[in-house]
Amino acid sequence: RKAEYEANKANAPQAAEAPKAAAATAGNGPVFNAPMGGTVMEIRVKPGDTVKPGDIVLVYEAMKMENDLEADRDRVVKRVFVATDDVVGTDAPLIEFE
């Protein structure tokens, strides 16, 4: 378990840098940020998709639980900043809307 922890710890800083780079290139649209740190398990939208309130846009694991992130209003997906298996920190940008 210690070796597994050390391996994950070594990979975490690299994964945390990716959202920062994405944030630097974010446009003016509203951005859906991660409510807490975790690992992206599934992305259910792609650029150009229209979402409605309650639609699940992303599933991620945090605190040993699967968490569904739902759209809060009608929007069109402009950009997705993460990929499956990415590790994200709290408030990391996930999806930008038009």
Protein backbone atom coordinates (compact mmCIF):
# COMPACT_ATOMS: atom_id res chain seq x y z
CA ARG A 1 0.00 0.00 0.00
CA LYS A 2 2.89 2.35 0.73
CA ALA A 3 4.33 1.84 -2.76
CA GLU A 4 0.89 2.51 -4.26
CA TYR A 5 0.57 5.70 -2.18
CA GLU A 6 4.02 6.91 -3.26
CA ALA A 7 3.24 6.19 -6.93
CA ASN A 8 -0.04 8.15 -6.72
CA LYS A 9 1.67 10.97 -4.86
CA ALA A 10 4.33 11.21 -7.57
CA ASN A 11 1.67 11.43 -10.32
CA ALA A 12 -0.62 13.92 -8.53
CA PRO A 13 1.40 17.13 -9.15
CA GLN A 14 1.61 16.42 -12.87
CA ALA A 15 -2.15 15.89 -13.12
CA ALA A 16 -2.85 19.05 -11.11
CA GLU A 17 -0.88 21.15 -13.61
CA ALA A 18 -3.17 20.25 -16.53
CA PRO A 19 -6.26 22.06 -15.15
CA LYS A 20 -4.16 25.17 -14.49
CA ALA A 21 -3.10 25.20 -18.15
CA ALA A 22 -6.71 24.73 -19.21
CA ALA A 23 -7.82 27.60 -16.98
CA ALA A 24 -5.31 29.88 -18.64
CA THR A 25 -6.89 29.21 -22.03
CA ALA A 26 -10.52 29.37 -20.82
CA GLY A 27 -12.79 31.75 -22.72
CA ASN A 28 -15.51 34.04 -21.43
CA GLY A 29 -18.25 31.42 -21.02
CA PRO A 30 -19.47 30.07 -17.69
CA VAL A 31 -17.21 27.31 -16.40
CA PHE A 32 -18.27 24.28 -14.35
CA ASN A 33 -15.59 23.82 -11.65
CA ALA A 34 -14.92 20.73 -9.55
CA PRO A 35 -16.64 21.04 -6.15
CA MET A 36 -13.88 18.86 -4.62
CA GLY A 37 -10.78 17.05 -5.77
CA GLY A 38 -11.08 13.59 -7.31
CA THR A 39 -10.58 11.41 -10.37
CA VAL A 40 -12.70 11.80 -13.52
CA MET A 41 -14.47 8.49 -14.21
CA GLU A 42 -16.78 9.36 -17.10
CA ILE A 43 -17.52 12.37 -19.29
CA ARG A 44 -21.03 12.30 -20.70
CA VAL A 45 -20.90 15.40 -22.91
CA LYS A 46 -18.79 16.71 -25.76
CA PRO A 47 -18.44 20.17 -27.34
CA GLY A 48 -21.63 21.19 -29.10
CA ASP A 49 -23.95 19.12 -26.87
CA THR A 50 -26.98 20.85 -25.37
CA VAL A 51 -27.70 20.05 -21.72
CA LYS A 52 -30.81 20.63 -19.65
CA PRO A 53 -31.17 21.04 -15.88
CA GLY A 54 -30.56 17.70 -14.17
CA ASP A 55 -28.55 16.16 -17.05
CA ILE A 56 -25.45 14.40 -15.75
CA VAL A 57 -22.43 15.91 -17.52
CA LEU A 58 -19.58 14.22 -15.64
CA VAL A 59 -18.99 11.44 -13.09
CA TYR A 60 -15.97 11.51 -10.81
CA GLU A 61 -14.68 9.69 -7.76
CA ALA A 62 -13.96 11.68 -4.62
CA MET A 63 -13.73 10.48 -1.04
CA LYS A 64 -14.32 6.88 -2.20
CA MET A 65 -17.73 7.76 -3.69
CA GLU A 66 -19.01 8.27 -7.23
CA ASN A 67 -20.31 11.79 -7.67
CA ASP A 68 -22.59 12.89 -10.52
CA LEU A 69 -22.23 16.50 -11.63
CA GLU A 70 -25.48 17.81 -13.11
CA ALA A 71 -26.21 20.81 -15.31
CA ASP A 72 -28.03 23.57 -13.45
CA ARG A 73 -29.67 25.20 -16.52
CA ASP A 74 -30.04 24.91 -20.29
CA ARG A 75 -26.63 25.40 -21.88
CA VAL A 76 -24.44 24.36 -24.80
CA VAL A 77 -21.07 22.74 -24.08
CA LYS A 78 -18.26 24.83 -25.54
CA ARG A 79 -15.19 22.96 -24.26
CA VAL A 80 -14.27 20.01 -22.01
CA PHE A 81 -11.03 20.61 -20.09
CA VAL A 82 -10.55 17.10 -18.63
CA ALA A 83 -10.31 13.53 -19.83
CA THR A 84 -11.27 10.22 -18.26
CA ASP A 85 -8.85 9.21 -15.45
CA ASP A 86 -7.59 12.79 -14.94
CA VAL A 87 -7.00 13.77 -11.32
CA VAL A 88 -8.47 17.20 -10.57
CA GLY A 89 -8.24 19.49 -7.57
CA THR A 90 -10.96 21.51 -5.90
CA ASP A 91 -12.23 24.33 -8.13
CA ALA A 92 -10.41 22.97 -11.19
CA PRO A 93 -12.22 23.92 -14.43
CA LEU A 94 -14.03 20.91 -15.94
CA ILE A 95 -16.40 22.15 -18.65
CA GLU A 96 -16.96 25.54 -20.30
CA PHE A 97 -20.38 26.49 -21.64
CA GLU A 98 -21.41 29.03 -24.27
